[in-house]
Amino acid sequence: VIAVLVARPLLGKSDQAFQFIQEFTGFFTP
């Protein structure tokens, strides 16, 4: 339910979602 509700607000304006995910998670992975 949460994911369905926030999908458009979070990713609706992203051109390359794959690269966005990689860079965002890169803050935590080290």
PDB file of all heavy atoms in Angstrom:
ATOM      1  N   VAL A   1       0.835  -1.200   0.000  1.00  0.00           N
ATOM      2  CA  VAL A   1       0.000   0.000   0.000  1.00  0.00           C
ATOM      3  C   VAL A   1       0.870   1.250   0.000  1.00  0.00           C
ATOM      4  O   VAL A   1       0.640   2.205  -0.772  1.00  0.00           O
ATOM      5  CB  VAL A   1      -0.948  -0.005   1.220  1.00  0.00           C
ATOM      6  CG1 VAL A   1      -1.660   1.344   1.339  1.00  0.00           C
ATOM      7  CG2 VAL A   1      -1.970  -1.132   1.098  1.00  0.00           C
ATOM      8  N   ILE A   2       1.892   1.268   0.832  1.00  0.00           N
ATOM      9  CA  ILE A   2       2.791   2.437   0.898  1.00  0.00           C
ATOM     10  C   ILE A   2       3.493   2.646  -0.443  1.00  0.00           C
ATOM     11  O   ILE A   2       3.546   3.765  -0.968  1.00  0.00           O
ATOM     12  CB  ILE A   2       3.824   2.261   2.027  1.00  0.00           C
ATOM     13  CG1 ILE A   2       3.126   2.275   3.393  1.00  0.00           C
ATOM     14  CG2 ILE A   2       4.877   3.359   1.950  1.00  0.00           C
ATOM     15  CD1 ILE A   2       4.057   1.938   4.537  1.00  0.00           C
ATOM     16  N   ALA A   3       4.054   1.564  -1.007  1.00  0.00           N
ATOM     17  CA  ALA A   3       4.795   1.674  -2.266  1.00  0.00           C
ATOM     18  C   ALA A   3       3.903   2.185  -3.387  1.00  0.00           C
ATOM     19  O   ALA A   3       4.321   3.021  -4.206  1.00  0.00           O
ATOM     20  CB  ALA A   3       5.395   0.323  -2.631  1.00  0.00           C
ATOM     21  N   VAL A   4       2.677   1.701  -3.455  1.00  0.00           N
ATOM     22  CA  VAL A   4       1.742   2.129  -4.495  1.00  0.00           C
ATOM     23  C   VAL A   4       1.438   3.621  -4.365  1.00  0.00           C
ATOM     24  O   VAL A   4       1.369   4.351  -5.364  1.00  0.00           O
ATOM     25  CB  VAL A   4       0.447   1.296  -4.422  1.00  0.00           C
ATOM     26  CG1 VAL A   4      -0.664   1.936  -5.236  1.00  0.00           C
ATOM     27  CG2 VAL A   4       0.703  -0.132  -4.906  1.00  0.00           C
ATOM     28  N   LEU A   5       1.305   4.104  -3.150  1.00  0.00           N
ATOM     29  CA  LEU A   5       0.944   5.501  -2.917  1.00  0.00           C
ATOM     30  C   LEU A   5       2.091   6.465  -3.198  1.00  0.00           C
ATOM     31  O   LEU A   5       1.851   7.604  -3.636  1.00  0.00           O
ATOM     32  CB  LEU A   5       0.448   5.686  -1.478  1.00  0.00           C
ATOM     33  CG  LEU A   5      -0.883   5.014  -1.123  1.00  0.00           C
ATOM     34  CD1 LEU A   5      -1.198   5.214   0.360  1.00  0.00           C
ATOM     35  CD2 LEU A   5      -2.013   5.564  -1.991  1.00  0.00           C
ATOM     36  N   VAL A   6       3.342   6.045  -2.959  1.00  0.00           N
ATOM     37  CA  VAL A   6       4.466   6.978  -3.095  1.00  0.00           C
ATOM     38  C   VAL A   6       5.234   6.819  -4.397  1.00  0.00           C
ATOM     39  O   VAL A   6       6.167   7.576  -4.661  1.00  0.00           O
ATOM     40  CB  VAL A   6       5.446   6.842  -1.901  1.00  0.00           C
ATOM     41  CG1 VAL A   6       4.727   7.046  -0.584  1.00  0.00           C
ATOM     42  CG2 VAL A   6       6.175   5.502  -1.924  1.00  0.00           C
ATOM     43  N   ALA A   7       4.856   5.848  -5.240  1.00  0.00           N
ATOM     44  CA  ALA A   7       5.620   5.582  -6.462  1.00  0.00           C
ATOM     45  C   ALA A   7       5.714   6.805  -7.360  1.00  0.00           C
ATOM     46  O   ALA A   7       6.811   7.223  -7.760  1.00  0.00           O
ATOM     47  CB  ALA A   7       4.996   4.405  -7.224  1.00  0.00           C
ATOM     48  N   ARG A   8       4.610   7.409  -7.682  1.00  0.00           N
ATOM     49  CA  ARG A   8       4.633   8.555  -8.591  1.00  0.00           C
ATOM     50  C   ARG A   8       5.329   9.778  -7.987  1.00  0.00           C
ATOM     51  O   ARG A   8       6.163  10.410  -8.662  1.00  0.00           O
ATOM     52  CB  ARG A   8       3.214   8.913  -9.044  1.00  0.00           C
ATOM     53  CG  ARG A   8       3.164  10.060 -10.047  1.00  0.00           C
ATOM     54  CD  ARG A   8       1.751  10.331 -10.539  1.00  0.00           C
ATOM     55  NE  ARG A   8       1.261   9.270 -11.408  1.00  0.00           N
ATOM     56  CZ  ARG A   8       1.566   9.161 -12.693  1.00  0.00           C
ATOM     57  NH1 ARG A   8       2.384  10.035 -13.264  1.00  0.00           N
ATOM     58  NH2 ARG A   8       1.058   8.184 -13.419  1.00  0.00           N
ATOM     59  N   PRO A   9       5.048  10.152  -6.740  1.00  0.00           N
ATOM     60  CA  PRO A   9       5.750  11.314  -6.174  1.00  0.00           C
ATOM     61  C   PRO A   9       7.268  11.142  -6.129  1.00  0.00           C
ATOM     62  O   PRO A   9       8.008  12.108  -6.323  1.00  0.00           O
ATOM     63  CB  PRO A   9       5.162  11.418  -4.760  1.00  0.00           C
ATOM     64  CG  PRO A   9       3.816  10.790  -4.863  1.00  0.00           C
ATOM     65  CD  PRO A   9       3.979   9.673  -5.837  1.00  0.00           C
ATOM     66  N   LEU A  10       7.747   9.930  -5.898  1.00  0.00           N
ATOM     67  CA  LEU A  10       9.183   9.726  -5.746  1.00  0.00           C
ATOM     68  C   LEU A  10       9.911   9.586  -7.078  1.00  0.00           C
ATOM     69  O   LEU A  10      11.040  10.064  -7.235  1.00  0.00           O
ATOM     70  CB  LEU A  10       9.448   8.482  -4.890  1.00  0.00           C
ATOM     71  CG  LEU A  10       9.181   8.604  -3.385  1.00  0.00           C
ATOM     72  CD1 LEU A  10       9.511   7.298  -2.674  1.00  0.00           C
ATOM     73  CD2 LEU A  10       9.986   9.750  -2.773  1.00  0.00           C
ATOM     74  N   LEU A  11       9.300   8.903  -8.056  1.00  0.00           N
ATOM     75  CA  LEU A  11      10.025   8.552  -9.278  1.00  0.00           C
ATOM     76  C   LEU A  11       9.435   9.131 -10.548  1.00  0.00           C
ATOM     77  O   LEU A  11       9.964   8.907 -11.624  1.00  0.00           O
ATOM     78  CB  LEU A  11      10.086   7.018  -9.406  1.00  0.00           C
ATOM     79  CG  LEU A  11      10.972   6.304  -8.385  1.00  0.00           C
ATOM     80  CD1 LEU A  11      10.818   4.800  -8.521  1.00  0.00           C
ATOM     81  CD2 LEU A  11      12.427   6.697  -8.566  1.00  0.00           C
ATOM     82  N   GLY A  12       8.348   9.860 -10.434  1.00  0.00           N
ATOM     83  CA  GLY A  12       7.672  10.350 -11.624  1.00  0.00           C
ATOM     84  C   GLY A  12       8.503  11.254 -12.510  1.00  0.00           C
ATOM     85  O   GLY A  12       8.260  11.350 -13.711  1.00  0.00           O
ATOM     86  N   LYS A  13       9.510  11.935 -11.952  1.00  0.00           N
ATOM     87  CA  LYS A  13      10.310  12.877 -12.737  1.00  0.00           C
ATOM     88  C   LYS A  13      11.714  12.362 -13.044  1.00  0.00           C
ATOM     89  O   LYS A  13      12.558  13.104 -13.532  1.00  0.00           O
ATOM     90  CB  LYS A  13      10.412  14.214 -11.997  1.00  0.00           C
ATOM     91  CG  LYS A  13       9.068  14.915 -11.825  1.00  0.00           C
ATOM     92  CD  LYS A  13       9.225  16.257 -11.135  1.00  0.00           C
ATOM     93  CE  LYS A  13       7.877  16.952 -10.970  1.00  0.00           C
ATOM     94  NZ  LYS A  13       8.014  18.269 -10.279  1.00  0.00           N
ATOM     95  N   SER A  14      11.974  11.082 -12.772  1.00  0.00           N
ATOM     96  CA  SER A  14      13.314  10.518 -12.989  1.00  0.00           C
ATOM     97  C   SER A  14      13.450  10.020 -14.423  1.00  0.00           C
ATOM     98  O   SER A  14      12.627   9.243 -14.903  1.00  0.00           O
ATOM     99  CB  SER A  14      13.564   9.362 -12.011  1.00  0.00           C
ATOM    100  OG  SER A  14      14.802   8.734 -12.279  1.00  0.00           O
ATOM    101  N   ASP A  15      14.516  10.451 -15.123  1.00  0.00           N
ATOM    102  CA  ASP A  15      14.749  10.005 -16.498  1.00  0.00           C
ATOM    103  C   ASP A  15      15.396   8.630 -16.560  1.00  0.00           C
ATOM    104  O   ASP A  15      15.095   7.835 -17.443  1.00  0.00           O
ATOM    105  CB  ASP A  15      15.653  11.011 -17.233  1.00  0.00           C
ATOM    106  CG  ASP A  15      14.904  12.288 -17.577  1.00  0.00           C
ATOM    107  OD1 ASP A  15      13.666  12.220 -17.669  1.00  0.00           O
ATOM    108  OD2 ASP A  15      15.556  13.325 -17.748  1.00  0.00           O
ATOM    109  N   GLN A  16      16.337   8.352 -15.663  1.00  0.00           N
ATOM    110  CA  GLN A  16      17.008   7.054 -15.631  1.00  0.00           C
ATOM    111  C   GLN A  16      16.879   6.490 -14.219  1.00  0.00           C
ATOM    112  O   GLN A  16      17.750   6.695 -13.375  1.00  0.00           O
ATOM    113  CB  GLN A  16      18.486   7.176 -16.027  1.00  0.00           C
ATOM    114  CG  GLN A  16      18.718   7.531 -17.481  1.00  0.00           C
ATOM    115  CD  GLN A  16      20.175   7.382 -17.858  1.00  0.00           C
ATOM    116  OE1 GLN A  16      20.769   6.318 -17.789  1.00  0.00           O
ATOM    117  NE2 GLN A  16      20.771   8.487 -18.266  1.00  0.00           N
ATOM    118  N   ALA A  17      15.802   5.787 -13.999  1.00  0.00           N
ATOM    119  CA  ALA A  17      15.517   5.298 -12.651  1.00  0.00           C
ATOM    120  C   ALA A  17      16.587   4.340 -12.149  1.00  0.00           C
ATOM    121  O   ALA A  17      16.904   4.326 -10.968  1.00  0.00           O
ATOM    122  CB  ALA A  17      14.145   4.621 -12.621  1.00  0.00           C
ATOM    123  N   PHE A  18      17.157   3.534 -13.050  1.00  0.00           N
ATOM    124  CA  PHE A  18      18.187   2.584 -12.615  1.00  0.00           C
ATOM    125  C   PHE A  18      19.387   3.318 -12.026  1.00  0.00           C
ATOM    126  O   PHE A  18      19.891   2.968 -10.965  1.00  0.00           O
ATOM    127  CB  PHE A  18      18.626   1.701 -13.786  1.00  0.00           C
ATOM    128  CG  PHE A  18      19.663   0.684 -13.407  1.00  0.00           C
ATOM    129  CD1 PHE A  18      19.311  -0.471 -12.724  1.00  0.00           C
ATOM    130  CD2 PHE A  18      20.999   0.882 -13.724  1.00  0.00           C
ATOM    131  CE1 PHE A  18      20.270  -1.410 -12.365  1.00  0.00           C
ATOM    132  CE2 PHE A  18      21.956  -0.048 -13.371  1.00  0.00           C
ATOM    133  CZ  PHE A  18      21.593  -1.197 -12.693  1.00  0.00           C
ATOM    134  N   GLN A  19      19.848   4.360 -12.727  1.00  0.00           N
ATOM    135  CA  GLN A  19      20.991   5.126 -12.233  1.00  0.00           C
ATOM    136  C   GLN A  19      20.635   5.858 -10.937  1.00  0.00           C
ATOM    137  O   GLN A  19      21.457   5.974 -10.025  1.00  0.00           O
ATOM    138  CB  GLN A  19      21.453   6.123 -13.295  1.00  0.00           C
ATOM    139  CG  GLN A  19      22.176   5.478 -14.463  1.00  0.00           C
ATOM    140  CD  GLN A  19      23.458   4.796 -14.025  1.00  0.00           C
ATOM    141  OE1 GLN A  19      23.593   3.577 -14.098  1.00  0.00           O
ATOM    142  NE2 GLN A  19      24.410   5.560 -13.558  1.00  0.00           N
ATOM    143  N   PHE A  20      19.397   6.352 -10.830  1.00  0.00           N
ATOM    144  CA  PHE A  20      18.951   7.026  -9.604  1.00  0.00           C
ATOM    145  C   PHE A  20      19.046   6.080  -8.408  1.00  0.00           C
ATOM    146  O   PHE A  20      19.536   6.448  -7.338  1.00  0.00           O
ATOM    147  CB  PHE A  20      17.510   7.508  -9.784  1.00  0.00           C
ATOM    148  CG  PHE A  20      16.802   7.801  -8.477  1.00  0.00           C
ATOM    149  CD1 PHE A  20      17.048   8.979  -7.794  1.00  0.00           C
ATOM    150  CD2 PHE A  20      15.903   6.890  -7.931  1.00  0.00           C
ATOM    151  CE1 PHE A  20      16.404   9.247  -6.587  1.00  0.00           C
ATOM    152  CE2 PHE A  20      15.259   7.140  -6.737  1.00  0.00           C
ATOM    153  CZ  PHE A  20      15.510   8.326  -6.065  1.00  0.00           C
ATOM    154  N   ILE A  21      18.595   4.844  -8.599  1.00  0.00           N
ATOM    155  CA  ILE A  21      18.612   3.862  -7.513  1.00  0.00           C
ATOM    156  C   ILE A  21      20.046   3.559  -7.106  1.00  0.00           C
ATOM    157  O   ILE A  21      20.370   3.482  -5.908  1.00  0.00           O
ATOM    158  CB  ILE A  21      17.888   2.578  -7.950  1.00  0.00           C
ATOM    159  CG1 ILE A  21      16.395   2.865  -8.175  1.00  0.00           C
ATOM    160  CG2 ILE A  21      18.039   1.477  -6.914  1.00  0.00           C
ATOM    161  CD1 ILE A  21      15.692   1.805  -8.974  1.00  0.00           C
ATOM    162  N   GLN A  22      20.927   3.369  -8.090  1.00  0.00           N
ATOM    163  CA  GLN A  22      22.318   3.047  -7.785  1.00  0.00           C
ATOM    164  C   GLN A  22      22.983   4.168  -6.974  1.00  0.00           C
ATOM    165  O   GLN A  22      23.693   3.923  -5.996  1.00  0.00           O
ATOM    166  CB  GLN A  22      23.111   2.799  -9.080  1.00  0.00           C
ATOM    167  CG  GLN A  22      22.602   1.654  -9.917  1.00  0.00           C
ATOM    168  CD  GLN A  22      22.538   0.358  -9.152  1.00  0.00           C
ATOM    169  OE1 GLN A  22      23.444   0.008  -8.406  1.00  0.00           O
ATOM    170  NE2 GLN A  22      21.454  -0.378  -9.329  1.00  0.00           N
ATOM    171  N   GLU A  23      22.751   5.415  -7.396  1.00  0.00           N
ATOM    172  CA  GLU A  23      23.399   6.532  -6.704  1.00  0.00           C
ATOM    173  C   GLU A  23      22.830   6.729  -5.308  1.00  0.00           C
ATOM    174  O   GLU A  23      23.559   6.996  -4.354  1.00  0.00           O
ATOM    175  CB  GLU A  23      23.273   7.815  -7.522  1.00  0.00           C
ATOM    176  CG  GLU A  23      23.946   9.011  -6.866  1.00  0.00           C
ATOM    177  CD  GLU A  23      24.404  10.060  -7.858  1.00  0.00           C
ATOM    178  OE1 GLU A  23      24.078   9.940  -9.041  1.00  0.00           O
ATOM    179  OE2 GLU A  23      25.087  11.005  -7.427  1.00  0.00           O
ATOM    180  N   PHE A  24      21.518   6.573  -5.151  1.00  0.00           N
ATOM    181  CA  PHE A  24      20.907   6.769  -3.842  1.00  0.00           C
ATOM    182  C   PHE A  24      21.403   5.720  -2.853  1.00  0.00           C
ATOM    183  O   PHE A  24      21.807   6.047  -1.733  1.00  0.00           O
ATOM    184  CB  PHE A  24      19.383   6.710  -3.958  1.00  0.00           C
ATOM    185  CG  PHE A  24      18.671   6.942  -2.650  1.00  0.00           C
ATOM    186  CD1 PHE A  24      18.425   8.224  -2.202  1.00  0.00           C
ATOM    187  CD2 PHE A  24      18.277   5.875  -1.858  1.00  0.00           C
ATOM    188  CE1 PHE A  24      17.788   8.450  -0.983  1.00  0.00           C
ATOM    189  CE2 PHE A  24      17.633   6.085  -0.641  1.00  0.00           C
ATOM    190  CZ  PHE A  24      17.385   7.374  -0.206  1.00  0.00           C
ATOM    191  N   THR A  25      21.368   4.454  -3.255  1.00  0.00           N
ATOM    192  CA  THR A  25      21.816   3.394  -2.349  1.00  0.00           C
ATOM    193  C   THR A  25      23.314   3.486  -2.091  1.00  0.00           C
ATOM    194  O   THR A  25      23.797   2.979  -1.073  1.00  0.00           O
ATOM    195  CB  THR A  25      21.465   2.002  -2.904  1.00  0.00           C
ATOM    196  OG1 THR A  25      22.001   1.871  -4.226  1.00  0.00           O
ATOM    197  CG2 THR A  25      19.967   1.802  -2.960  1.00  0.00           C
ATOM    198  N   GLY A  26      24.038   4.138  -3.011  1.00  0.00           N
ATOM    199  CA  GLY A  26      25.475   4.299  -2.820  1.00  0.00           C
ATOM    200  C   GLY A  26      25.845   5.114  -1.593  1.00  0.00           C
ATOM    201  O   GLY A  26      26.990   5.072  -1.134  1.00  0.00           O
ATOM    202  N   PHE A  27      24.901   5.866  -1.026  1.00  0.00           N
ATOM    203  CA  PHE A  27      25.157   6.586   0.213  1.00  0.00           C
ATOM    204  C   PHE A  27      25.353   5.626   1.378  1.00  0.00           C
ATOM    205  O   PHE A  27      26.087   5.922   2.325  1.00  0.00           O
ATOM    206  CB  PHE A  27      23.987   7.528   0.534  1.00  0.00           C
ATOM    207  CG  PHE A  27      24.068   8.864  -0.137  1.00  0.00           C
ATOM    208  CD1 PHE A  27      24.107   8.955  -1.523  1.00  0.00           C
ATOM    209  CD2 PHE A  27      24.111  10.034   0.590  1.00  0.00           C
ATOM    210  CE1 PHE A  27      24.191  10.189  -2.155  1.00  0.00           C
ATOM    211  CE2 PHE A  27      24.185  11.277  -0.028  1.00  0.00           C
ATOM    212  CZ  PHE A  27      24.224  11.344  -1.403  1.00  0.00           C
ATOM    213  N   PHE A  28      24.719   4.468   1.317  1.00  0.00           N
ATOM    214  CA  PHE A  28      24.698   3.545   2.450  1.00  0.00           C
ATOM    215  C   PHE A  28      25.588   2.317   2.273  1.00  0.00           C
ATOM    216  O   PHE A  28      26.061   1.748   3.249  1.00  0.00           O
ATOM    217  CB  PHE A  28      23.260   3.074   2.702  1.00  0.00           C
ATOM    218  CG  PHE A  28      22.266   4.189   2.835  1.00  0.00           C
ATOM    219  CD1 PHE A  28      21.508   4.607   1.752  1.00  0.00           C
ATOM    220  CD2 PHE A  28      22.096   4.839   4.048  1.00  0.00           C
ATOM    221  CE1 PHE A  28      20.591   5.637   1.864  1.00  0.00           C
ATOM    222  CE2 PHE A  28      21.183   5.879   4.182  1.00  0.00           C
ATOM    223  CZ  PHE A  28      20.429   6.282   3.086  1.00  0.00           C
ATOM    224  N   THR A  29      25.780   1.909   1.032  1.00  0.00           N
ATOM    225  CA  THR A  29      26.456   0.632   0.812  1.00  0.00           C
ATOM    226  C   THR A  29      27.889   0.558   1.347  1.00  0.00           C
ATOM    227  O   THR A  29      28.297  -0.514   1.811  1.00  0.00           O
ATOM    228  CB  THR A  29      26.437   0.257  -0.686  1.00  0.00           C
ATOM    229  OG1 THR A  29      26.860   1.374  -1.466  1.00  0.00           O
ATOM    230  CG2 THR A  29      25.052  -0.156  -1.120  1.00  0.00           C
ATOM    231  N   PRO A  30      28.693   1.628   1.304  1.00  0.00           N
ATOM    232  CA  PRO A  30      30.046   1.487   1.858  1.00  0.00           C
ATOM    233  C   PRO A  30      30.041   1.069   3.321  1.00  0.00           C
ATOM    234  O   PRO A  30      30.797   0.174   3.731  1.00  0.00           O
ATOM    235  CB  PRO A  30      30.648   2.891   1.684  1.00  0.00           C
ATOM    236  CG  PRO A  30      29.912   3.465   0.515  1.00  0.00           C
ATOM    237  CD  PRO A  30      28.514   2.948   0.656  1.00  0.00           C
TER     238      PRO A  30
END
